[in-house]
């Protein structure tokens, strides 16, 4: 009889834990950042944020160059998002829950050529 009670309690506790996890919502991964420097200063910054790894690329230096982010979603071909609007502006990718961004890297665009950070940042998604 004692064994039955312990098993029943363990099953009840397990079901309660599973229910709490199911109701808690999706986990959010930490933000991940990729930088590109030009002449010792940060020229482009790309940040992955949110549960699905949406990416924002920002032009952080008034140098006349554009910025871009190259990224791979979990499924599909590589994609690029550019921002040529000037210092302090940002562009963002769409947030597709079923196909999150897996890796990305920031780029500076000079004379239509992308100069990118050689290391892709892993979003953990």
PDB file of N, CA and C in Angstrom:
ATOM      1  N   UNK A   1       0.814  -1.182   0.000  1.00  0.00           N
ATOM      2  CA  UNK A   1       0.000   0.000   0.000  1.00  0.00           C
ATOM      3  C   UNK A   1       0.866   1.257   0.000  1.00  0.00           C
ATOM      4  N   UNK A   2       1.983   1.209   0.735  1.00  0.00           N
ATOM      5  CA  UNK A   2       2.872   2.369   0.798  1.00  0.00           C
ATOM      6  C   UNK A   2       3.479   2.646  -0.569  1.00  0.00           C
ATOM      7  N   UNK A   3       3.855   1.593  -1.274  1.00  0.00           N
ATOM      8  CA  UNK A   3       4.443   1.750  -2.604  1.00  0.00           C
ATOM      9  C   UNK A   3       3.430   2.411  -3.545  1.00  0.00           C
ATOM     10  N   UNK A   4       2.172   2.038  -3.457  1.00  0.00           N
ATOM     11  CA  UNK A   4       1.130   2.621  -4.303  1.00  0.00           C
ATOM     12  C   UNK A   4       0.997   4.121  -4.040  1.00  0.00           C
ATOM     13  N   UNK A   5       1.046   4.534  -2.784  1.00  0.00           N
ATOM     14  CA  UNK A   5       0.919   5.953  -2.438  1.00  0.00           C
ATOM     15  C   UNK A   5       2.094   6.762  -2.983  1.00  0.00           C
ATOM     16  N   UNK A   6       3.318   6.218  -2.858  1.00  0.00           N
ATOM     17  CA  UNK A   6       4.498   6.925  -3.366  1.00  0.00           C
ATOM     18  C   UNK A   6       4.424   7.080  -4.881  1.00  0.00           C
ATOM     19  N   UNK A   7       3.996   6.031  -5.559  1.00  0.00           N
ATOM     20  CA  UNK A   7       3.868   6.097  -7.012  1.00  0.00           C
ATOM     21  C   UNK A   7       2.805   7.103  -7.408  1.00  0.00           C
ATOM     22  N   UNK A   8       1.690   7.101  -6.708  1.00  0.00           N
ATOM     23  CA  UNK A   8       0.615   8.056  -6.986  1.00  0.00           C
ATOM     24  C   UNK A   8       1.070   9.491  -6.770  1.00  0.00           C
ATOM     25  N   UNK A   9       1.827   9.727  -5.697  1.00  0.00           N
ATOM     26  CA  UNK A   9       2.339  11.077  -5.432  1.00  0.00           C
ATOM     27  C   UNK A   9       3.330  11.503  -6.512  1.00  0.00           C
ATOM     28  N   UNK A  10       4.194  10.593  -6.911  1.00  0.00           N
ATOM     29  CA  UNK A  10       5.181  10.914  -7.947  1.00  0.00           C
ATOM     30  C   UNK A  10       4.489  11.244  -9.265  1.00  0.00           C
ATOM     31  N   UNK A  11       3.468  10.480  -9.619  1.00  0.00           N
ATOM     32  CA  UNK A  11       2.734  10.756 -10.854  1.00  0.00           C
ATOM     33  C   UNK A  11       2.005  12.090 -10.778  1.00  0.00           C
ATOM     34  N   UNK A  12       1.417  12.384  -9.617  1.00  0.00           N
ATOM     35  CA  UNK A  12       0.719  13.660  -9.443  1.00  0.00           C
ATOM     36  C   UNK A  12       1.701  14.823  -9.539  1.00  0.00           C
ATOM     37  N   UNK A  13       2.857  14.702  -8.900  1.00  0.00           N
ATOM     38  CA  UNK A  13       3.868  15.762  -8.951  1.00  0.00           C
ATOM     39  C   UNK A  13       4.389  15.938 -10.377  1.00  0.00           C
ATOM     40  N   UNK A  14       4.612  14.829 -11.063  1.00  0.00           N
ATOM     41  CA  UNK A  14       5.072  14.898 -12.453  1.00  0.00           C
ATOM     42  C   UNK A  14       4.057  15.567 -13.356  1.00  0.00           C
ATOM     43  N   UNK A  15       2.787  15.244 -13.173  1.00  0.00           N
ATOM     44  CA  UNK A  15       1.729  15.859 -13.984  1.00  0.00           C
ATOM     45  C   UNK A  15       1.627  17.351 -13.690  1.00  0.00           C
ATOM     46  N   UNK A  16       1.785  17.741 -12.426  1.00  0.00           N
ATOM     47  CA  UNK A  16       1.730  19.162 -12.066  1.00  0.00           C
ATOM     48  C   UNK A  16       2.897  19.925 -12.687  1.00  0.00           C
ATOM     49  N   UNK A  17       4.080  19.332 -12.661  1.00  0.00           N
ATOM     50  CA  UNK A  17       5.246  19.968 -13.265  1.00  0.00           C
ATOM     51  C   UNK A  17       5.073  20.114 -14.768  1.00  0.00           C
ATOM     52  N   UNK A  18       4.606  19.077 -15.420  1.00  0.00           N
ATOM     53  CA  UNK A  18       4.372  19.128 -16.862  1.00  0.00           C
ATOM     54  C   UNK A  18       3.327  20.184 -17.204  1.00  0.00           C
ATOM     55  N   UNK A  19       2.276  20.275 -16.418  1.00  0.00           N
ATOM     56  CA  UNK A  19       1.251  21.293 -16.644  1.00  0.00           C
ATOM     57  C   UNK A  19       1.801  22.696 -16.465  1.00  0.00           C
ATOM     58  N   UNK A  20       2.645  22.896 -15.469  1.00  0.00           N
ATOM     59  CA  UNK A  20       3.245  24.218 -15.243  1.00  0.00           C
ATOM     60  C   UNK A  20       4.146  24.608 -16.401  1.00  0.00           C
ATOM     61  N   UNK A  21       4.907  23.662 -16.917  1.00  0.00           N
ATOM     62  CA  UNK A  21       5.773  23.948 -18.062  1.00  0.00           C
ATOM     63  C   UNK A  21       4.960  24.264 -19.305  1.00  0.00           C
ATOM     64  N   UNK A  22       3.875  23.568 -19.501  1.00  0.00           N
ATOM     65  CA  UNK A  22       3.039  23.797 -20.681  1.00  0.00           C
ATOM     66  C   UNK A  22       2.383  25.171 -20.639  1.00  0.00           C
ATOM     67  N   UNK A  23       2.048  25.653 -19.463  1.00  0.00           N
ATOM     68  CA  UNK A  23       1.389  26.949 -19.333  1.00  0.00           C
ATOM     69  C   UNK A  23       2.359  28.119 -19.255  1.00  0.00           C
ATOM     70  N   UNK A  24       3.651  27.843 -19.089  1.00  0.00           N
ATOM     71  CA  UNK A  24       4.602  28.930 -18.891  1.00  0.00           C
ATOM     72  C   UNK A  24       4.943  29.660 -20.177  1.00  0.00           C
ATOM     73  N   UNK A  25       4.641  29.114 -21.333  1.00  0.00           N
ATOM     74  CA  UNK A  25       4.919  29.787 -22.604  1.00  0.00           C
ATOM     75  C   UNK A  25       6.294  29.422 -23.128  1.00  0.00           C
ATOM     76  N   UNK A  26       6.642  29.955 -24.295  1.00  0.00           N
ATOM     77  CA  UNK A  26       7.914  29.614 -24.913  1.00  0.00           C
ATOM     78  C   UNK A  26       9.089  30.244 -24.168  1.00  0.00           C
ATOM     79  N   UNK A  27      10.216  29.557 -24.205  1.00  0.00           N
ATOM     80  CA  UNK A  27      11.426  30.095 -23.602  1.00  0.00           C
ATOM     81  C   UNK A  27      12.023  31.145 -24.529  1.00  0.00           C
ATOM     82  N   UNK A  28      12.608  32.166 -23.937  1.00  0.00           N
ATOM     83  CA  UNK A  28      13.240  33.215 -24.732  1.00  0.00           C
ATOM     84  C   UNK A  28      14.745  33.087 -24.595  1.00  0.00           C
ATOM     85  N   UNK A  29      15.425  32.948 -25.728  1.00  0.00           N
ATOM     86  CA  UNK A  29      16.874  32.882 -25.712  1.00  0.00           C
ATOM     87  C   UNK A  29      17.432  34.290 -25.519  1.00  0.00           C
ATOM     88  N   UNK A  30      18.649  34.362 -25.030  1.00  0.00           N
ATOM     89  CA  UNK A  30      19.290  35.656 -24.824  1.00  0.00           C
ATOM     90  C   UNK A  30      19.595  36.317 -26.165  1.00  0.00           C
ATOM     91  N   UNK A  31      19.638  37.649 -26.163  1.00  0.00           N
ATOM     92  CA  UNK A  31      20.006  38.382 -27.369  1.00  0.00           C
ATOM     93  C   UNK A  31      21.444  38.046 -27.751  1.00  0.00           C
ATOM     94  N   UNK A  32      21.715  37.993 -29.062  1.00  0.00           N
ATOM     95  CA  UNK A  32      23.047  37.710 -29.588  1.00  0.00           C
ATOM     96  C   UNK A  32      23.404  38.849 -30.533  1.00  0.00           C
ATOM     97  N   UNK A  33      24.664  39.334 -30.476  1.00  0.00           N
ATOM     98  CA  UNK A  33      25.075  40.486 -31.273  1.00  0.00           C
ATOM     99  C   UNK A  33      26.280  40.151 -32.136  1.00  0.00           C
ATOM    100  N   UNK A  34      26.303  40.703 -33.357  1.00  0.00           N
ATOM    101  CA  UNK A  34      27.438  40.604 -34.274  1.00  0.00           C
ATOM    102  C   UNK A  34      27.834  42.023 -34.661  1.00  0.00           C
ATOM    103  N   UNK A  35      29.150  42.325 -34.632  1.00  0.00           N
ATOM    104  CA  UNK A  35      29.649  43.658 -34.957  1.00  0.00           C
ATOM    105  C   UNK A  35      30.594  43.600 -36.148  1.00  0.00           C
ATOM    106  N   UNK A  36      30.717  44.727 -36.864  1.00  0.00           N
ATOM    107  CA  UNK A  36      31.765  44.929 -37.856  1.00  0.00           C
ATOM    108  C   UNK A  36      32.417  46.264 -37.522  1.00  0.00           C
ATOM    109  N   UNK A  37      33.752  46.272 -37.459  1.00  0.00           N
ATOM    110  CA  UNK A  37      34.485  47.503 -37.168  1.00  0.00           C
ATOM    111  C   UNK A  37      35.174  48.013 -38.419  1.00  0.00           C
ATOM    112  N   UNK A  38      35.279  49.340 -38.505  1.00  0.00           N
ATOM    113  CA  UNK A  38      35.984  49.992 -39.596  1.00  0.00           C
ATOM    114  C   UNK A  38      36.837  51.091 -38.987  1.00  0.00           C
ATOM    115  N   UNK A  39      38.126  51.034 -39.224  1.00  0.00           N
ATOM    116  CA  UNK A  39      39.069  52.017 -38.677  1.00  0.00           C
ATOM    117  C   UNK A  39      38.958  52.122 -37.156  1.00  0.00           C
ATOM    118  N   UNK A  40      38.820  51.003 -36.515  1.00  0.00           N
ATOM    119  CA  UNK A  40      38.791  50.966 -35.060  1.00  0.00           C
ATOM    120  C   UNK A  40      37.471  51.344 -34.413  1.00  0.00           C
ATOM    121  N   UNK A  41      36.430  51.592 -35.208  1.00  0.00           N
ATOM    122  CA  UNK A  41      35.125  51.942 -34.653  1.00  0.00           C
ATOM    123  C   UNK A  41      34.070  50.973 -35.168  1.00  0.00           C
ATOM    124  N   UNK A  42      33.057  50.730 -34.353  1.00  0.00           N
ATOM    125  CA  UNK A  42      31.957  49.871 -34.779  1.00  0.00           C
ATOM    126  C   UNK A  42      31.212  50.572 -35.906  1.00  0.00           C
ATOM    127  N   UNK A  43      31.076  49.894 -37.050  1.00  0.00           N
ATOM    128  CA  UNK A  43      30.387  50.469 -38.210  1.00  0.00           C
ATOM    129  C   UNK A  43      29.006  49.861 -38.408  1.00  0.00           C
ATOM    130  N   UNK A  44      28.846  48.604 -38.017  1.00  0.00           N
ATOM    131  CA  UNK A  44      27.555  47.930 -38.169  1.00  0.00           C
ATOM    132  C   UNK A  44      27.329  47.028 -36.972  1.00  0.00           C
ATOM    133  N   UNK A  45      26.073  46.926 -36.566  1.00  0.00           N
ATOM    134  CA  UNK A  45      25.704  46.056 -35.445  1.00  0.00           C
ATOM    135  C   UNK A  45      24.435  45.319 -35.827  1.00  0.00           C
ATOM    136  N   UNK A  46      24.450  44.008 -35.684  1.00  0.00           N
ATOM    137  CA  UNK A  46      23.257  43.196 -35.915  1.00  0.00           C
ATOM    138  C   UNK A  46      22.931  42.472 -34.619  1.00  0.00           C
ATOM    139  N   UNK A  47      21.657  42.497 -34.222  1.00  0.00           N
ATOM    140  CA  UNK A  47      21.221  41.882 -32.968  1.00  0.00           C
ATOM    141  C   UNK A  47      20.085  40.918 -33.254  1.00  0.00           C
ATOM    142  N   UNK A  48      20.214  39.694 -32.759  1.00  0.00           N
ATOM    143  CA  UNK A  48      19.133  38.712 -32.827  1.00  0.00           C
ATOM    144  C   UNK A  48      18.420  38.738 -31.482  1.00  0.00           C
ATOM    145  N   UNK A  49      17.089  38.767 -31.512  1.00  0.00           N
ATOM    146  CA  UNK A  49      16.323  38.913 -30.278  1.00  0.00           C
ATOM    147  C   UNK A  49      15.017  38.138 -30.382  1.00  0.00           C
ATOM    148  N   UNK A  50      14.382  37.943 -29.262  1.00  0.00           N
ATOM    149  CA  UNK A  50      13.073  37.300 -29.222  1.00  0.00           C
ATOM    150  C   UNK A  50      13.152  35.793 -29.344  1.00  0.00           C
ATOM    151  N   UNK A  51      12.021  35.165 -29.184  1.00  0.00           N
ATOM    152  CA  UNK A  51      11.946  33.706 -29.170  1.00  0.00           C
ATOM    153  C   UNK A  51      12.264  33.085 -30.521  1.00  0.00           C
ATOM    154  N   UNK A  52      12.066  33.821 -31.615  1.00  0.00           N
ATOM    155  CA  UNK A  52      12.260  33.241 -32.944  1.00  0.00           C
ATOM    156  C   UNK A  52      13.483  33.782 -33.661  1.00  0.00           C
ATOM    157  N   UNK A  53      14.310  34.536 -32.964  1.00  0.00           N
ATOM    158  CA  UNK A  53      15.572  34.982 -33.533  1.00  0.00           C
ATOM    159  C   UNK A  53      15.465  36.036 -34.607  1.00  0.00           C
ATOM    160  N   UNK A  54      14.445  36.888 -34.574  1.00  0.00           N
ATOM    161  CA  UNK A  54      14.389  37.984 -35.538  1.00  0.00           C
ATOM    162  C   UNK A  54      15.675  38.797 -35.409  1.00  0.00           C
ATOM    163  N   UNK A  55      16.138  39.409 -36.510  1.00  0.00           N
ATOM    164  CA  UNK A  55      17.395  40.145 -36.504  1.00  0.00           C
ATOM    165  C   UNK A  55      17.154  41.593 -36.896  1.00  0.00           C
ATOM    166  N   UNK A  56      17.810  42.504 -36.174  1.00  0.00           N
ATOM    167  CA  UNK A  56      17.784  43.938 -36.471  1.00  0.00           C
ATOM    168  C   UNK A  56      19.220  44.341 -36.805  1.00  0.00           C
ATOM    169  N   UNK A  57      19.427  45.038 -37.939  1.00  0.00           N
ATOM    170  CA  UNK A  57      20.748  45.545 -38.306  1.00  0.00           C
ATOM    171  C   UNK A  57      20.690  47.067 -38.263  1.00  0.00           C
ATOM    172  N   UNK A  58      21.708  47.680 -37.645  1.00  0.00           N
ATOM    173  CA  UNK A  58      21.707  49.133 -37.452  1.00  0.00           C
ATOM    174  C   UNK A  58      22.997  49.749 -37.978  1.00  0.00           C
ATOM    175  N   UNK A  59      22.864  50.885 -38.647  1.00  0.00           N
ATOM    176  CA  UNK A  59      23.997  51.676 -39.118  1.00  0.00           C
ATOM    177  C   UNK A  59      24.389  52.593 -37.968  1.00  0.00           C
ATOM    178  N   UNK A  60      25.534  52.337 -37.343  1.00  0.00           N
ATOM    179  CA  UNK A  60      25.901  53.059 -36.128  1.00  0.00           C
ATOM    180  C   UNK A  60      26.979  54.111 -36.352  1.00  0.00           C
ATOM    181  N   UNK A  61      27.400  54.314 -37.599  1.00  0.00           N
ATOM    182  CA  UNK A  61      28.447  55.287 -37.872  1.00  0.00           C
ATOM    183  C   UNK A  61      28.075  56.119 -39.097  1.00  0.00           C
ATOM    184  N   UNK A  62      28.221  57.429 -39.000  1.00  0.00           N
ATOM    185  CA  UNK A  62      27.899  58.326 -40.119  1.00  0.00           C
ATOM    186  C   UNK A  62      29.083  58.377 -41.084  1.00  0.00           C
ATOM    187  N   UNK A  63      29.256  57.296 -41.851  1.00  0.00           N
ATOM    188  CA  UNK A  63      30.387  57.210 -42.773  1.00  0.00           C
ATOM    189  C   UNK A  63      29.954  57.132 -44.235  1.00  0.00           C
ATOM    190  N   UNK A  64      28.656  57.162 -44.485  1.00  0.00           N
ATOM    191  CA  UNK A  64      28.158  57.107 -45.856  1.00  0.00           C
ATOM    192  C   UNK A  64      28.005  55.703 -46.408  1.00  0.00           C
ATOM    193  N   UNK A  65      28.371  54.694 -45.637  1.00  0.00           N
ATOM    194  CA  UNK A  65      28.254  53.312 -46.090  1.00  0.00           C
ATOM    195  C   UNK A  65      26.970  52.697 -45.552  1.00  0.00           C
ATOM    196  N   UNK A  66      26.478  51.705 -46.247  1.00  0.00           N
ATOM    197  CA  UNK A  66      25.308  50.976 -45.790  1.00  0.00           C
ATOM    198  C   UNK A  66      25.715  49.829 -44.887  1.00  0.00           C
ATOM    199  N   UNK A  67      24.731  49.184 -44.295  1.00  0.00           N
ATOM    200  CA  UNK A  67      24.968  48.004 -43.468  1.00  0.00           C
ATOM    201  C   UNK A  67      24.039  46.891 -43.935  1.00  0.00           C
ATOM    202  N   UNK A  68      24.408  45.683 -43.611  1.00  0.00           N
ATOM    203  CA  UNK A  68      23.587  44.533 -43.989  1.00  0.00           C
ATOM    204  C   UNK A  68      23.766  43.440 -42.949  1.00  0.00           C
ATOM    205  N   UNK A  69      22.868  42.488 -42.977  1.00  0.00           N
ATOM    206  CA  UNK A  69      23.008  41.291 -42.166  1.00  0.00           C
ATOM    207  C   UNK A  69      22.733  40.105 -43.081  1.00  0.00           C
ATOM    208  N   UNK A  70      23.634  39.139 -43.067  1.00  0.00           N
ATOM    209  CA  UNK A  70      23.422  37.869 -43.776  1.00  0.00           C
ATOM    210  C   UNK A  70      22.952  36.866 -42.735  1.00  0.00           C
ATOM    211  N   UNK A  71      21.924  36.102 -43.100  1.00  0.00           N
ATOM    212  CA  UNK A  71      21.396  35.166 -42.114  1.00  0.00           C
ATOM    213  C   UNK A  71      20.847  33.913 -42.779  1.00  0.00           C
ATOM    214  N   UNK A  72      20.798  32.861 -41.994  1.00  0.00           N
ATOM    215  CA  UNK A  72      20.216  31.585 -42.399  1.00  0.00           C
ATOM    216  C   UNK A  72      19.082  31.272 -41.440  1.00  0.00           C
ATOM    217  N   UNK A  73      17.939  30.966 -41.992  1.00  0.00           N
ATOM    218  CA  UNK A  73      16.844  30.439 -41.173  1.00  0.00           C
ATOM    219  C   UNK A  73      17.089  28.940 -40.999  1.00  0.00           C
ATOM    220  N   UNK A  74      16.375  28.329 -40.118  1.00  0.00           N
ATOM    221  CA  UNK A  74      16.555  26.900 -39.873  1.00  0.00           C
ATOM    222  C   UNK A  74      16.361  26.093 -41.157  1.00  0.00           C
ATOM    223  N   UNK A  75      15.434  26.536 -42.011  1.00  0.00           N
ATOM    224  CA  UNK A  75      15.192  25.872 -43.290  1.00  0.00           C
ATOM    225  C   UNK A  75      15.270  26.915 -44.391  1.00  0.00           C
ATOM    226  N   UNK A  76      15.985  26.607 -45.473  1.00  0.00           N
ATOM    227  CA  UNK A  76      16.013  27.526 -46.608  1.00  0.00           C
ATOM    228  C   UNK A  76      17.405  28.033 -46.942  1.00  0.00           C
ATOM    229  N   UNK A  77      17.443  28.895 -47.932  1.00  0.00           N
ATOM    230  CA  UNK A  77      18.683  29.456 -48.452  1.00  0.00           C
ATOM    231  C   UNK A  77      19.106  30.680 -47.641  1.00  0.00           C
ATOM    232  N   UNK A  78      20.389  31.082 -47.780  1.00  0.00           N
ATOM    233  CA  UNK A  78      20.841  32.292 -47.091  1.00  0.00           C
ATOM    234  C   UNK A  78      20.096  33.524 -47.594  1.00  0.00           C
ATOM    235  N   UNK A  79      19.911  34.486 -46.708  1.00  0.00           N
ATOM    236  CA  UNK A  79      19.207  35.718 -47.051  1.00  0.00           C
ATOM    237  C   UNK A  79      20.015  36.909 -46.556  1.00  0.00           C
ATOM    238  N   UNK A  80      19.762  38.080 -47.155  1.00  0.00           N
ATOM    239  CA  UNK A  80      20.444  39.315 -46.764  1.00  0.00           C
ATOM    240  C   UNK A  80      19.420  40.422 -46.578  1.00  0.00           C
ATOM    241  N   UNK A  81      19.582  41.193 -45.531  1.00  0.00           N
ATOM    242  CA  UNK A  81      18.763  42.374 -45.275  1.00  0.00           C
ATOM    243  C   UNK A  81      19.713  43.563 -45.192  1.00  0.00           C
ATOM    244  N   UNK A  82      19.447  44.624 -45.962  1.00  0.00           N
ATOM    245  CA  UNK A  82      20.319  45.798 -46.002  1.00  0.00           C
ATOM    246  C   UNK A  82      19.613  47.029 -45.458  1.00  0.00           C
ATOM    247  N   UNK A  83      20.425  47.999 -45.019  1.00  0.00           N
ATOM    248  CA  UNK A  83      19.910  49.290 -44.566  1.00  0.00           C
ATOM    249  C   UNK A  83      20.852  50.368 -45.094  1.00  0.00           C
ATOM    250  N   UNK A  84      20.348  51.226 -45.955  1.00  0.00           N
ATOM    251  CA  UNK A  84      21.143  52.303 -46.544  1.00  0.00           C
ATOM    252  C   UNK A  84      20.592  53.670 -46.154  1.00  0.00           C
ATOM    253  N   UNK A  85      19.859  53.749 -45.063  1.00  0.00           N
ATOM    254  CA  UNK A  85      19.155  54.984 -44.710  1.00  0.00           C
ATOM    255  C   UNK A  85      20.015  55.987 -43.952  1.00  0.00           C
ATOM    256  N   UNK A  86      21.146  55.576 -43.431  1.00  0.00           N
ATOM    257  CA  UNK A  86      22.003  56.531 -42.735  1.00  0.00           C
ATOM    258  C   UNK A  86      22.201  56.213 -41.274  1.00  0.00           C
ATOM    259  N   UNK A  87      23.001  57.039 -40.633  1.00  0.00           N
ATOM    260  CA  UNK A  87      23.403  56.833 -39.249  1.00  0.00           C
ATOM    261  C   UNK A  87      22.208  56.756 -38.297  1.00  0.00           C
ATOM    262  N   UNK A  88      22.249  55.748 -37.443  1.00  0.00           N
ATOM    263  CA  UNK A  88      21.235  55.607 -36.411  1.00  0.00           C
ATOM    264  C   UNK A  88      19.976  54.880 -36.837  1.00  0.00           C
ATOM    265  N   UNK A  89      19.873  54.489 -38.092  1.00  0.00           N
ATOM    266  CA  UNK A  89      18.667  53.800 -38.548  1.00  0.00           C
ATOM    267  C   UNK A  89      18.864  52.294 -38.500  1.00  0.00           C
ATOM    268  N   UNK A  90      17.759  51.585 -38.444  1.00  0.00           N
ATOM    269  CA  UNK A  90      17.793  50.128 -38.356  1.00  0.00           C
ATOM    270  C   UNK A  90      16.767  49.519 -39.303  1.00  0.00           C
ATOM    271  N   UNK A  91      17.023  48.285 -39.717  1.00  0.00           N
ATOM    272  CA  UNK A  91      16.058  47.480 -40.468  1.00  0.00           C
ATOM    273  C   UNK A  91      15.922  46.154 -39.746  1.00  0.00           C
ATOM    274  N   UNK A  92      14.746  45.527 -39.849  1.00  0.00           N
ATOM    275  CA  UNK A  92      14.492  44.277 -39.135  1.00  0.00           C
ATOM    276  C   UNK A  92      13.961  43.207 -40.063  1.00  0.00           C
ATOM    277  N   UNK A  93      14.304  41.954 -39.752  1.00  0.00           N
ATOM    278  CA  UNK A  93      13.752  40.815 -40.477  1.00  0.00           C
ATOM    279  C   UNK A  93      12.351  40.537 -39.965  1.00  0.00           C
ATOM    280  N   UNK A  94      11.628  39.741 -40.710  1.00  0.00           N
ATOM    281  CA  UNK A  94      10.315  39.314 -40.247  1.00  0.00           C
ATOM    282  C   UNK A  94      10.483  38.211 -39.214  1.00  0.00           C
ATOM    283  N   UNK A  95       9.531  38.098 -38.337  1.00  0.00           N
ATOM    284  CA  UNK A  95       9.554  37.128 -37.253  1.00  0.00           C
ATOM    285  C   UNK A  95       8.676  35.949 -37.648  1.00  0.00           C
ATOM    286  N   UNK A  96       9.302  34.881 -38.138  1.00  0.00           N
ATOM    287  CA  UNK A  96       8.558  33.702 -38.580  1.00  0.00           C
ATOM    288  C   UNK A  96       8.720  32.613 -37.527  1.00  0.00           C
ATOM    289  N   UNK A  97       7.665  32.350 -36.776  1.00  0.00           N
ATOM    290  CA  UNK A  97       7.750  31.412 -35.660  1.00  0.00           C
ATOM    291  C   UNK A  97       8.104  30.000 -36.100  1.00  0.00           C
ATOM    292  N   UNK A  98       7.623  29.580 -37.265  1.00  0.00           N
ATOM    293  CA  UNK A  98       7.858  28.206 -37.699  1.00  0.00           C
ATOM    294  C   UNK A  98       9.227  28.020 -38.342  1.00  0.00           C
ATOM    295  N   UNK A  99       9.959  29.105 -38.618  1.00  0.00           N
ATOM    296  CA  UNK A  99      11.267  29.004 -39.258  1.00  0.00           C
ATOM    297  C   UNK A  99      12.195  30.093 -38.703  1.00  0.00           C
ATOM    298  N   UNK A 100      12.689  29.908 -37.468  1.00  0.00           N
ATOM    299  CA  UNK A 100      13.508  30.939 -36.839  1.00  0.00           C
ATOM    300  C   UNK A 100      14.882  31.079 -37.492  1.00  0.00           C
ATOM    301  N   UNK A 101      15.501  32.231 -37.290  1.00  0.00           N
ATOM    302  CA  UNK A 101      16.856  32.468 -37.778  1.00  0.00           C
ATOM    303  C   UNK A 101      17.817  31.694 -36.887  1.00  0.00           C
ATOM    304  N   UNK A 102      18.725  30.930 -37.512  1.00  0.00           N
ATOM    305  CA  UNK A 102      19.659  30.092 -36.767  1.00  0.00           C
ATOM    306  C   UNK A 102      21.011  30.772 -36.575  1.00  0.00           C
ATOM    307  N   UNK A 103      21.580  31.343 -37.650  1.00  0.00           N
ATOM    308  CA  UNK A 103      22.867  32.034 -37.563  1.00  0.00           C
ATOM    309  C   UNK A 103      22.815  33.310 -38.394  1.00  0.00           C
ATOM    310  N   UNK A 104      23.675  34.285 -38.041  1.00  0.00           N
ATOM    311  CA  UNK A 104      23.699  35.555 -38.773  1.00  0.00           C
ATOM    312  C   UNK A 104      25.041  36.235 -38.578  1.00  0.00           C
ATOM    313  N   UNK A 105      25.349  37.209 -39.443  1.00  0.00           N
ATOM    314  CA  UNK A 105      26.552  38.018 -39.302  1.00  0.00           C
ATOM    315  C   UNK A 105      26.299  39.420 -39.833  1.00  0.00           C
ATOM    316  N   UNK A 106      26.927  40.417 -39.214  1.00  0.00           N
ATOM    317  CA  UNK A 106      26.787  41.814 -39.629  1.00  0.00           C
ATOM    318  C   UNK A 106      27.765  42.122 -40.756  1.00  0.00           C
ATOM    319  N   UNK A 107      27.379  43.075 -41.628  1.00  0.00           N
ATOM    320  CA  UNK A 107      28.208  43.471 -42.767  1.00  0.00           C
ATOM    321  C   UNK A 107      28.167  44.988 -42.947  1.00  0.00           C
ATOM    322  N   UNK A 108      29.257  45.544 -43.491  1.00  0.00           N
ATOM    323  CA  UNK A 108      29.288  46.923 -43.961  1.00  0.00           C
ATOM    324  C   UNK A 108      29.296  46.845 -45.477  1.00  0.00           C
ATOM    325  N   UNK A 109      28.482  47.675 -46.136  1.00  0.00           N
ATOM    326  CA  UNK A 109      28.378  47.655 -47.595  1.00  0.00           C
ATOM    327  C   UNK A 109      29.113  48.878 -48.144  1.00  0.00           C
ATOM    328  N   UNK A 110      30.214  48.611 -48.857  1.00  0.00           N
ATOM    329  CA  UNK A 110      31.027  49.675 -49.455  1.00  0.00           C
ATOM    330  C   UNK A 110      31.114  49.412 -50.948  1.00  0.00           C
ATOM    331  N   UNK A 111      30.661  50.370 -51.758  1.00  0.00           N
ATOM    332  CA  UNK A 111      30.666  50.236 -53.222  1.00  0.00           C
ATOM    333  C   UNK A 111      30.032  48.919 -53.665  1.00  0.00           C
ATOM    334  N   UNK A 112      28.882  48.607 -53.124  1.00  0.00           N
ATOM    335  CA  UNK A 112      28.082  47.417 -53.460  1.00  0.00           C
ATOM    336  C   UNK A 112      28.747  46.096 -53.092  1.00  0.00           C
ATOM    337  N   UNK A 113      29.759  46.131 -52.238  1.00  0.00           N
ATOM    338  CA  UNK A 113      30.421  44.911 -51.773  1.00  0.00           C
ATOM    339  C   UNK A 113      30.177  44.783 -50.273  1.00  0.00           C
ATOM    340  N   UNK A 114      29.742  43.598 -49.831  1.00  0.00           N
ATOM    341  CA  UNK A 114      29.501  43.336 -48.412  1.00  0.00           C
ATOM    342  C   UNK A 114      30.797  42.883 -47.739  1.00  0.00           C
ATOM    343  N   UNK A 115      31.232  43.619 -46.737  1.00  0.00           N
ATOM    344  CA  UNK A 115      32.372  43.230 -45.917  1.00  0.00           C
ATOM    345  C   UNK A 115      31.798  42.781 -44.578  1.00  0.00           C
ATOM    346  N   UNK A 116      31.835  41.468 -44.360  1.00  0.00           N
ATOM    347  CA  UNK A 116      31.114  40.884 -43.223  1.00  0.00           C
ATOM    348  C   UNK A 116      32.055  40.381 -42.145  1.00  0.00           C
ATOM    349  N   UNK A 117      31.542  40.316 -40.943  1.00  0.00           N
ATOM    350  CA  UNK A 117      32.220  39.643 -39.855  1.00  0.00           C
ATOM    351  C   UNK A 117      32.377  38.192 -40.284  1.00  0.00           C
ATOM    352  N   UNK A 118      33.577  37.647 -40.184  1.00  0.00           N
ATOM    353  CA  UNK A 118      33.815  36.285 -40.677  1.00  0.00           C
ATOM    354  C   UNK A 118      33.167  35.214 -39.803  1.00  0.00           C
ATOM    355  N   UNK A 119      32.822  35.557 -38.571  1.00  0.00           N
ATOM    356  CA  UNK A 119      32.193  34.598 -37.664  1.00  0.00           C
ATOM    357  C   UNK A 119      30.680  34.789 -37.658  1.00  0.00           C
ATOM    358  N   UNK A 120      29.959  33.735 -37.961  1.00  0.00           N
ATOM    359  CA  UNK A 120      28.500  33.778 -37.844  1.00  0.00           C
ATOM    360  C   UNK A 120      28.122  33.588 -36.381  1.00  0.00           C
ATOM    361  N   UNK A 121      27.186  34.394 -35.901  1.00  0.00           N
ATOM    362  CA  UNK A 121      26.695  34.281 -34.527  1.00  0.00           C
ATOM    363  C   UNK A 121      25.540  33.285 -34.495  1.00  0.00           C
ATOM    364  N   UNK A 122      25.571  32.369 -33.537  1.00  0.00           N
ATOM    365  CA  UNK A 122      24.530  31.353 -33.382  1.00  0.00           C
ATOM    366  C   UNK A 122      23.451  31.885 -32.445  1.00  0.00           C
ATOM    367  N   UNK A 123      22.209  31.901 -32.911  1.00  0.00           N
ATOM    368  CA  UNK A 123      21.108  32.421 -32.091  1.00  0.00           C
ATOM    369  C   UNK A 123      20.640  31.425 -31.036  1.00  0.00           C
ATOM    370  N   UNK A 124      21.014  30.173 -31.168  1.00  0.00           N
ATOM    371  CA  UNK A 124      20.568  29.158 -30.229  1.00  0.00           C
ATOM    372  C   UNK A 124      19.134  28.714 -30.454  1.00  0.00           C
ATOM    373  N   UNK A 125      18.586  29.012 -31.623  1.00  0.00           N
ATOM    374  CA  UNK A 125      17.192  28.672 -31.908  1.00  0.00           C
ATOM    375  C   UNK A 125      17.117  27.606 -32.968  1.00  0.00           C
TER     376      UNK A 125
END
